[in-house]
Amino acid sequence: VPKETIPHWLYEFGKIFPSSSGVEGFLRIQTMG
């Protein structure tokens, strides 16, 4: 689901896992160059 629909505190908590930063960064690299 888009991160904008996730409660802010929960998304920030999720950053303790590599996947949160990984998804956002890799999406921008792969799709946006």
PDB file of all heavy atoms in Angstrom:
ATOM      1  N   VAL A   1       0.865  -1.188   0.000  1.00  0.00           N
ATOM      2  CA  VAL A   1       0.000   0.000   0.000  1.00  0.00           C
ATOM      3  C   VAL A   1       0.895   1.229   0.000  1.00  0.00           C
ATOM      4  O   VAL A   1       2.022   1.182   0.503  1.00  0.00           O
ATOM      5  CB  VAL A   1      -0.941   0.040   1.230  1.00  0.00           C
ATOM      6  CG1 VAL A   1      -1.945  -1.095   1.170  1.00  0.00           C
ATOM      7  CG2 VAL A   1      -0.142  -0.015   2.524  1.00  0.00           C
ATOM      8  N   PRO A   2       0.450   2.349  -0.577  1.00  0.00           N
ATOM      9  CA  PRO A   2       1.281   3.558  -0.576  1.00  0.00           C
ATOM     10  C   PRO A   2       1.631   3.990   0.846  1.00  0.00           C
ATOM     11  O   PRO A   2       0.808   3.894   1.759  1.00  0.00           O
ATOM     12  CB  PRO A   2       0.391   4.598  -1.273  1.00  0.00           C
ATOM     13  CG  PRO A   2      -0.587   3.807  -2.072  1.00  0.00           C
ATOM     14  CD  PRO A   2      -0.825   2.548  -1.300  1.00  0.00           C
ATOM     15  N   LYS A   3       2.843   4.471   1.018  1.00  0.00           N
ATOM     16  CA  LYS A   3       3.278   4.874   2.361  1.00  0.00           C
ATOM     17  C   LYS A   3       2.441   6.028   2.901  1.00  0.00           C
ATOM     18  O   LYS A   3       2.332   6.207   4.118  1.00  0.00           O
ATOM     19  CB  LYS A   3       4.752   5.260   2.352  1.00  0.00           C
ATOM     20  CG  LYS A   3       5.065   6.513   1.563  1.00  0.00           C
ATOM     21  CD  LYS A   3       6.528   6.894   1.678  1.00  0.00           C
ATOM     22  CE  LYS A   3       6.804   8.226   0.984  1.00  0.00           C
ATOM     23  NZ  LYS A   3       8.209   8.638   1.125  1.00  0.00           N
ATOM     24  N   GLU A   4       1.838   6.817   1.978  1.00  0.00           N
ATOM     25  CA  GLU A   4       1.009   7.935   2.415  1.00  0.00           C
ATOM     26  C   GLU A   4      -0.239   7.491   3.161  1.00  0.00           C
ATOM     27  O   GLU A   4      -0.838   8.270   3.909  1.00  0.00           O
ATOM     28  CB  GLU A   4       0.611   8.794   1.212  1.00  0.00           C
ATOM     29  CG  GLU A   4       1.739   9.592   0.592  1.00  0.00           C
ATOM     30  CD  GLU A   4       2.660   8.760  -0.284  1.00  0.00           C
ATOM     31  OE1 GLU A   4       2.302   7.589  -0.580  1.00  0.00           O
ATOM     32  OE2 GLU A   4       3.719   9.257  -0.690  1.00  0.00           O
ATOM     33  N   THR A   5      -0.675   6.241   2.939  1.00  0.00           N
ATOM     34  CA  THR A   5      -1.863   5.732   3.620  1.00  0.00           C
ATOM     35  C   THR A   5      -1.529   5.054   4.946  1.00  0.00           C
ATOM     36  O   THR A   5      -2.435   4.696   5.690  1.00  0.00           O
ATOM     37  CB  THR A   5      -2.608   4.725   2.720  1.00  0.00           C
ATOM     38  OG1 THR A   5      -1.773   3.573   2.495  1.00  0.00           O
ATOM     39  CG2 THR A   5      -2.968   5.347   1.383  1.00  0.00           C
ATOM     40  N   ILE A   6      -0.247   4.866   5.226  1.00  0.00           N
ATOM     41  CA  ILE A   6       0.182   4.242   6.473  1.00  0.00           C
ATOM     42  C   ILE A   6       0.343   5.327   7.533  1.00  0.00           C
ATOM     43  O   ILE A   6       0.886   6.402   7.239  1.00  0.00           O
ATOM     44  CB  ILE A   6       1.520   3.494   6.280  1.00  0.00           C
ATOM     45  CG1 ILE A   6       1.400   2.458   5.152  1.00  0.00           C
ATOM     46  CG2 ILE A   6       1.959   2.815   7.570  1.00  0.00           C
ATOM     47  CD1 ILE A   6       2.725   1.815   4.787  1.00  0.00           C
ATOM     48  N   PRO A   7      -0.139   5.105   8.766  1.00  0.00           N
ATOM     49  CA  PRO A   7       0.089   6.101   9.825  1.00  0.00           C
ATOM     50  C   PRO A   7       1.563   6.485   9.916  1.00  0.00           C
ATOM     51  O   PRO A   7       2.442   5.613   9.840  1.00  0.00           O
ATOM     52  CB  PRO A   7      -0.379   5.380  11.094  1.00  0.00           C
ATOM     53  CG  PRO A   7      -1.405   4.398  10.605  1.00  0.00           C
ATOM     54  CD  PRO A   7      -0.930   3.953   9.248  1.00  0.00           C
ATOM     55  N   HIS A   8       1.815   7.761  10.062  1.00  0.00           N
ATOM     56  CA  HIS A   8       3.197   8.256  10.015  1.00  0.00           C
ATOM     57  C   HIS A   8       4.095   7.558  11.033  1.00  0.00           C
ATOM     58  O   HIS A   8       5.224   7.151  10.715  1.00  0.00           O
ATOM     59  CB  HIS A   8       3.211   9.771  10.252  1.00  0.00           C
ATOM     60  CG  HIS A   8       4.584  10.365  10.223  1.00  0.00           C
ATOM     61  ND1 HIS A   8       5.324  10.491   9.065  1.00  0.00           N
ATOM     62  CD2 HIS A   8       5.368  10.860  11.240  1.00  0.00           C
ATOM     63  CE1 HIS A   8       6.496  11.035   9.355  1.00  0.00           C
ATOM     64  NE2 HIS A   8       6.545  11.277  10.654  1.00  0.00           N
ATOM     65  N   TRP A   9       3.606   7.408  12.259  1.00  0.00           N
ATOM     66  CA  TRP A   9       4.427   6.791  13.299  1.00  0.00           C
ATOM     67  C   TRP A   9       4.753   5.334  12.967  1.00  0.00           C
ATOM     68  O   TRP A   9       5.858   4.851  13.259  1.00  0.00           O
ATOM     69  CB  TRP A   9       3.716   6.866  14.655  1.00  0.00           C
ATOM     70  CG  TRP A   9       2.464   6.030  14.735  1.00  0.00           C
ATOM     71  CD1 TRP A   9       1.189   6.429  14.460  1.00  0.00           C
ATOM     72  CD2 TRP A   9       2.379   4.648  15.103  1.00  0.00           C
ATOM     73  NE1 TRP A   9       0.307   5.386  14.628  1.00  0.00           N
ATOM     74  CE2 TRP A   9       1.009   4.277  15.028  1.00  0.00           C
ATOM     75  CE3 TRP A   9       3.305   3.685  15.490  1.00  0.00           C
ATOM     76  CZ2 TRP A   9       0.565   2.991  15.314  1.00  0.00           C
ATOM     77  CZ3 TRP A   9       2.865   2.405  15.777  1.00  0.00           C
ATOM     78  CH2 TRP A   9       1.504   2.074  15.694  1.00  0.00           C
ATOM     79  N   LEU A  10       3.792   4.647  12.306  1.00  0.00           N
ATOM     80  CA  LEU A  10       4.010   3.243  11.979  1.00  0.00           C
ATOM     81  C   LEU A  10       5.037   3.107  10.854  1.00  0.00           C
ATOM     82  O   LEU A  10       5.898   2.214  10.889  1.00  0.00           O
ATOM     83  CB  LEU A  10       2.687   2.594  11.570  1.00  0.00           C
ATOM     84  CG  LEU A  10       2.718   1.092  11.288  1.00  0.00           C
ATOM     85  CD1 LEU A  10       3.220   0.325  12.508  1.00  0.00           C
ATOM     86  CD2 LEU A  10       1.327   0.591  10.881  1.00  0.00           C
ATOM     87  N   TYR A  11       4.944   4.005   9.855  1.00  0.00           N
ATOM     88  CA  TYR A  11       5.914   3.951   8.764  1.00  0.00           C
ATOM     89  C   TYR A  11       7.314   4.281   9.274  1.00  0.00           C
ATOM     90  O   TYR A  11       8.300   3.653   8.862  1.00  0.00           O
ATOM     91  CB  TYR A  11       5.513   4.917   7.654  1.00  0.00           C
ATOM     92  CG  TYR A  11       6.452   4.866   6.464  1.00  0.00           C
ATOM     93  CD1 TYR A  11       6.425   3.789   5.583  1.00  0.00           C
ATOM     94  CD2 TYR A  11       7.374   5.883   6.240  1.00  0.00           C
ATOM     95  CE1 TYR A  11       7.299   3.732   4.503  1.00  0.00           C
ATOM     96  CE2 TYR A  11       8.246   5.829   5.170  1.00  0.00           C
ATOM     97  CZ  TYR A  11       8.202   4.752   4.301  1.00  0.00           C
ATOM     98  OH  TYR A  11       9.071   4.698   3.239  1.00  0.00           O
ATOM     99  N   GLU A  12       7.407   5.257  10.175  1.00  0.00           N
ATOM    100  CA  GLU A  12       8.708   5.606  10.741  1.00  0.00           C
ATOM    101  C   GLU A  12       9.261   4.437  11.559  1.00  0.00           C
ATOM    102  O   GLU A  12      10.466   4.158  11.523  1.00  0.00           O
ATOM    103  CB  GLU A  12       8.585   6.855  11.615  1.00  0.00           C
ATOM    104  CG  GLU A  12       8.302   8.130  10.835  1.00  0.00           C
ATOM    105  CD  GLU A  12       9.406   8.471   9.855  1.00  0.00           C
ATOM    106  OE1 GLU A  12      10.597   8.326  10.236  1.00  0.00           O
ATOM    107  OE2 GLU A  12       9.103   8.853   8.708  1.00  0.00           O
ATOM    108  N   PHE A  13       8.382   3.752  12.290  1.00  0.00           N
ATOM    109  CA  PHE A  13       8.816   2.564  13.034  1.00  0.00           C
ATOM    110  C   PHE A  13       9.328   1.493  12.078  1.00  0.00           C
ATOM    111  O   PHE A  13      10.308   0.798  12.367  1.00  0.00           O
ATOM    112  CB  PHE A  13       7.658   2.023  13.873  1.00  0.00           C
ATOM    113  CG  PHE A  13       7.937   0.675  14.488  1.00  0.00           C
ATOM    114  CD1 PHE A  13       8.747   0.570  15.603  1.00  0.00           C
ATOM    115  CD2 PHE A  13       7.403  -0.482  13.936  1.00  0.00           C
ATOM    116  CE1 PHE A  13       9.018  -0.672  16.175  1.00  0.00           C
ATOM    117  CE2 PHE A  13       7.665  -1.733  14.493  1.00  0.00           C
ATOM    118  CZ  PHE A  13       8.479  -1.824  15.615  1.00  0.00           C
ATOM    119  N   GLY A  14       8.663   1.360  10.931  1.00  0.00           N
ATOM    120  CA  GLY A  14       9.056   0.343   9.959  1.00  0.00           C
ATOM    121  C   GLY A  14      10.439   0.544   9.379  1.00  0.00           C
ATOM    122  O   GLY A  14      11.010  -0.375   8.788  1.00  0.00           O
ATOM    123  N   LYS A  15      11.002   1.747   9.560  1.00  0.00           N
ATOM    124  CA  LYS A  15      12.327   2.018   9.018  1.00  0.00           C
ATOM    125  C   LYS A  15      13.436   1.292   9.765  1.00  0.00           C
ATOM    126  O   LYS A  15      14.599   1.332   9.342  1.00  0.00           O
ATOM    127  CB  LYS A  15      12.596   3.522   9.017  1.00  0.00           C
ATOM    128  CG  LYS A  15      11.797   4.272   7.964  1.00  0.00           C
ATOM    129  CD  LYS A  15      12.152   5.747   7.932  1.00  0.00           C
ATOM    130  CE  LYS A  15      11.370   6.475   6.840  1.00  0.00           C
ATOM    131  NZ  LYS A  15      11.695   7.927   6.803  1.00  0.00           N
ATOM    132  N   ILE A  16      13.092   0.621  10.875  1.00  0.00           N
ATOM    133  CA  ILE A  16      14.100  -0.201  11.539  1.00  0.00           C
ATOM    134  C   ILE A  16      14.385  -1.450  10.724  1.00  0.00           C
ATOM    135  O   ILE A  16      15.386  -2.137  10.961  1.00  0.00           O
ATOM    136  CB  ILE A  16      13.683  -0.589  12.973  1.00  0.00           C
ATOM    137  CG1 ILE A  16      12.449  -1.497  12.948  1.00  0.00           C
ATOM    138  CG2 ILE A  16      13.441   0.645  13.821  1.00  0.00           C
ATOM    139  CD1 ILE A  16      12.082  -2.059  14.303  1.00  0.00           C
ATOM    140  N   PHE A  17      13.529  -1.761   9.756  1.00  0.00           N
ATOM    141  CA  PHE A  17      13.753  -2.881   8.852  1.00  0.00           C
ATOM    142  C   PHE A  17      14.311  -2.347   7.535  1.00  0.00           C
ATOM    143  O   PHE A  17      13.869  -1.298   7.046  1.00  0.00           O
ATOM    144  CB  PHE A  17      12.463  -3.657   8.603  1.00  0.00           C
ATOM    145  CG  PHE A  17      11.803  -4.158   9.848  1.00  0.00           C
ATOM    146  CD1 PHE A  17      10.601  -3.624  10.286  1.00  0.00           C
ATOM    147  CD2 PHE A  17      12.389  -5.164  10.597  1.00  0.00           C
ATOM    148  CE1 PHE A  17       9.992  -4.069  11.429  1.00  0.00           C
ATOM    149  CE2 PHE A  17      11.788  -5.630  11.758  1.00  0.00           C
ATOM    150  CZ  PHE A  17      10.587  -5.076  12.178  1.00  0.00           C
ATOM    151  N   PRO A  18      15.228  -3.048   6.913  1.00  0.00           N
ATOM    152  CA  PRO A  18      15.823  -2.563   5.657  1.00  0.00           C
ATOM    153  C   PRO A  18      14.813  -2.366   4.534  1.00  0.00           C
ATOM    154  O   PRO A  18      15.004  -1.519   3.664  1.00  0.00           O
ATOM    155  CB  PRO A  18      16.829  -3.664   5.300  1.00  0.00           C
ATOM    156  CG  PRO A  18      17.133  -4.346   6.588  1.00  0.00           C
ATOM    157  CD  PRO A  18      15.876  -4.283   7.402  1.00  0.00           C
ATOM    158  N   SER A  19      13.726  -3.136   4.527  1.00  0.00           N
ATOM    159  CA  SER A  19      12.793  -3.105   3.402  1.00  0.00           C
ATOM    160  C   SER A  19      12.121  -1.746   3.212  1.00  0.00           C
ATOM    161  O   SER A  19      11.831  -1.353   2.071  1.00  0.00           O
ATOM    162  CB  SER A  19      11.715  -4.182   3.566  1.00  0.00           C
ATOM    163  OG  SER A  19      11.074  -4.063   4.815  1.00  0.00           O
ATOM    164  N   SER A  20      11.863  -1.001   4.283  1.00  0.00           N
ATOM    165  CA  SER A  20      11.173   0.285   4.145  1.00  0.00           C
ATOM    166  C   SER A  20      12.000   1.269   3.319  1.00  0.00           C
ATOM    167  O   SER A  20      11.525   1.835   2.338  1.00  0.00           O
ATOM    168  CB  SER A  20      10.852   0.870   5.517  1.00  0.00           C
ATOM    169  OG  SER A  20       9.892   0.081   6.188  1.00  0.00           O
ATOM    170  N   SER A  21      13.250   1.472   3.708  1.00  0.00           N
ATOM    171  CA  SER A  21      14.125   2.355   2.933  1.00  0.00           C
ATOM    172  C   SER A  21      14.485   1.724   1.597  1.00  0.00           C
ATOM    173  O   SER A  21      14.649   2.424   0.592  1.00  0.00           O
ATOM    174  CB  SER A  21      15.403   2.666   3.720  1.00  0.00           C
ATOM    175  OG  SER A  21      15.103   3.379   4.905  1.00  0.00           O
ATOM    176  N   GLY A  22      14.587   0.391   1.575  1.00  0.00           N
ATOM    177  CA  GLY A  22      14.941  -0.307   0.342  1.00  0.00           C
ATOM    178  C   GLY A  22      13.893  -0.152  -0.731  1.00  0.00           C
ATOM    179  O   GLY A  22      14.214   0.109  -1.897  1.00  0.00           O
ATOM    180  N   VAL A  23      12.626  -0.309  -0.366  1.00  0.00           N
ATOM    181  CA  VAL A  23      11.535  -0.191  -1.343  1.00  0.00           C
ATOM    182  C   VAL A  23      11.495   1.212  -1.927  1.00  0.00           C
ATOM    183  O   VAL A  23      11.433   1.394  -3.149  1.00  0.00           O
ATOM    184  CB  VAL A  23      10.182  -0.542  -0.691  1.00  0.00           C
ATOM    185  CG1 VAL A  23       9.021  -0.100  -1.573  1.00  0.00           C
ATOM    186  CG2 VAL A  23      10.093  -2.042  -0.437  1.00  0.00           C
ATOM    187  N   GLU A  24      11.529   2.223  -1.066  1.00  0.00           N
ATOM    188  CA  GLU A  24      11.422   3.603  -1.533  1.00  0.00           C
ATOM    189  C   GLU A  24      12.590   3.988  -2.438  1.00  0.00           C
ATOM    190  O   GLU A  24      12.409   4.568  -3.512  1.00  0.00           O
ATOM    191  CB  GLU A  24      11.348   4.553  -0.340  1.00  0.00           C
ATOM    192  CG  GLU A  24      11.090   6.002  -0.737  1.00  0.00           C
ATOM    193  CD  GLU A  24      10.889   6.909   0.461  1.00  0.00           C
ATOM    194  OE1 GLU A  24      10.912   6.405   1.604  1.00  0.00           O
ATOM    195  OE2 GLU A  24      10.710   8.131   0.249  1.00  0.00           O
ATOM    196  N   GLY A  25      13.801   3.653  -2.025  1.00  0.00           N
ATOM    197  CA  GLY A  25      14.966   4.020  -2.814  1.00  0.00           C
ATOM    198  C   GLY A  25      15.071   3.251  -4.115  1.00  0.00           C
ATOM    199  O   GLY A  25      15.346   3.825  -5.175  1.00  0.00           O
ATOM    200  N   PHE A  26      14.841   1.953  -4.057  1.00  0.00           N
ATOM    201  CA  PHE A  26      14.970   1.119  -5.260  1.00  0.00           C
ATOM    202  C   PHE A  26      13.899   1.460  -6.291  1.00  0.00           C
ATOM    203  O   PHE A  26      14.159   1.433  -7.501  1.00  0.00           O
ATOM    204  CB  PHE A  26      14.880  -0.360  -4.868  1.00  0.00           C
ATOM    205  CG  PHE A  26      15.307  -1.308  -5.960  1.00  0.00           C
ATOM    206  CD1 PHE A  26      16.603  -1.281  -6.447  1.00  0.00           C
ATOM    207  CD2 PHE A  26      14.414  -2.211  -6.500  1.00  0.00           C
ATOM    208  CE1 PHE A  26      17.005  -2.156  -7.450  1.00  0.00           C
ATOM    209  CE2 PHE A  26      14.805  -3.081  -7.506  1.00  0.00           C
ATOM    210  CZ  PHE A  26      16.101  -3.060  -7.978  1.00  0.00           C
ATOM    211  N   LEU A  27      12.697   1.781  -5.835  1.00  0.00           N
ATOM    212  CA  LEU A  27      11.641   2.199  -6.764  1.00  0.00           C
ATOM    213  C   LEU A  27      12.066   3.449  -7.531  1.00  0.00           C
ATOM    214  O   LEU A  27      11.880   3.532  -8.749  1.00  0.00           O
ATOM    215  CB  LEU A  27      10.350   2.482  -5.996  1.00  0.00           C
ATOM    216  CG  LEU A  27       9.342   1.348  -5.872  1.00  0.00           C
ATOM    217  CD1 LEU A  27       8.214   1.749  -4.937  1.00  0.00           C
ATOM    218  CD2 LEU A  27       8.781   0.976  -7.232  1.00  0.00           C
ATOM    219  N   ARG A  28      12.620   4.408  -6.827  1.00  0.00           N
ATOM    220  CA  ARG A  28      13.016   5.657  -7.482  1.00  0.00           C
ATOM    221  C   ARG A  28      14.166   5.431  -8.453  1.00  0.00           C
ATOM    222  O   ARG A  28      14.226   6.054  -9.522  1.00  0.00           O
ATOM    223  CB  ARG A  28      13.393   6.692  -6.427  1.00  0.00           C
ATOM    224  CG  ARG A  28      12.199   7.153  -5.575  1.00  0.00           C
ATOM    225  CD  ARG A  28      12.627   8.099  -4.482  1.00  0.00           C
ATOM    226  NE  ARG A  28      13.207   9.321  -5.035  1.00  0.00           N
ATOM    227  CZ  ARG A  28      13.791  10.262  -4.294  1.00  0.00           C
ATOM    228  NH1 ARG A  28      13.874  10.107  -2.970  1.00  0.00           N
ATOM    229  NH2 ARG A  28      14.295  11.341  -4.850  1.00  0.00           N
ATOM    230  N   ILE A  29      15.083   4.546  -8.109  1.00  0.00           N
ATOM    231  CA  ILE A  29      16.208   4.268  -9.007  1.00  0.00           C
ATOM    232  C   ILE A  29      15.737   3.514 -10.245  1.00  0.00           C
ATOM    233  O   ILE A  29      16.067   3.886 -11.381  1.00  0.00           O
ATOM    234  CB  ILE A  29      17.300   3.472  -8.265  1.00  0.00           C
ATOM    235  CG1 ILE A  29      17.967   4.350  -7.209  1.00  0.00           C
ATOM    236  CG2 ILE A  29      18.351   2.952  -9.247  1.00  0.00           C
ATOM    237  CD1 ILE A  29      18.959   3.611  -6.329  1.00  0.00           C
ATOM    238  N   GLN A  30      14.949   2.458 -10.042  1.00  0.00           N
ATOM    239  CA  GLN A  30      14.548   1.608 -11.154  1.00  0.00           C
ATOM    240  C   GLN A  30      13.531   2.266 -12.080  1.00  0.00           C
ATOM    241  O   GLN A  30      13.619   2.132 -13.294  1.00  0.00           O
ATOM    242  CB  GLN A  30      13.959   0.287 -10.626  1.00  0.00           C
ATOM    243  CG  GLN A  30      14.975  -0.772 -10.309  1.00  0.00           C
ATOM    244  CD  GLN A  30      15.641  -1.343 -11.540  1.00  0.00           C
ATOM    245  OE1 GLN A  30      16.422  -0.666 -12.208  1.00  0.00           O
ATOM    246  NE2 GLN A  30      15.340  -2.578 -11.868  1.00  0.00           N
ATOM    247  N   THR A  31      12.549   2.936 -11.531  1.00  0.00           N
ATOM    248  CA  THR A  31      11.478   3.476 -12.367  1.00  0.00           C
ATOM    249  C   THR A  31      11.720   4.914 -12.793  1.00  0.00           C
ATOM    250  O   THR A  31      11.316   5.316 -13.887  1.00  0.00           O
ATOM    251  CB  THR A  31      10.126   3.401 -11.630  1.00  0.00           C
ATOM    252  OG1 THR A  31      10.205   4.157 -10.413  1.00  0.00           O
ATOM    253  CG2 THR A  31       9.771   1.969 -11.296  1.00  0.00           C
ATOM    254  N   MET A  32      12.385   5.711 -11.954  1.00  0.00           N
ATOM    255  CA  MET A  32      12.572   7.125 -12.253  1.00  0.00           C
ATOM    256  C   MET A  32      13.983   7.452 -12.730  1.00  0.00           C
ATOM    257  O   MET A  32      14.254   8.582 -13.144  1.00  0.00           O
ATOM    258  CB  MET A  32      12.247   7.965 -11.013  1.00  0.00           C
ATOM    259  CG  MET A  32      10.828   7.799 -10.498  1.00  0.00           C
ATOM    260  SD  MET A  32      10.540   8.639  -8.915  1.00  0.00           S
ATOM    261  CE  MET A  32      10.732  10.352  -9.405  1.00  0.00           C
ATOM    262  N   GLY A  33      14.890   6.486 -12.642  1.00  0.00           N
ATOM    263  CA  GLY A  33      16.262   6.743 -13.052  1.00  0.00           C
ATOM    264  C   GLY A  33      17.024   7.620 -12.083  1.00  0.00           C
ATOM    265  O   GLY A  33      17.969   8.316 -12.472  1.00  0.00           O
TER     266      GLY A  33
END
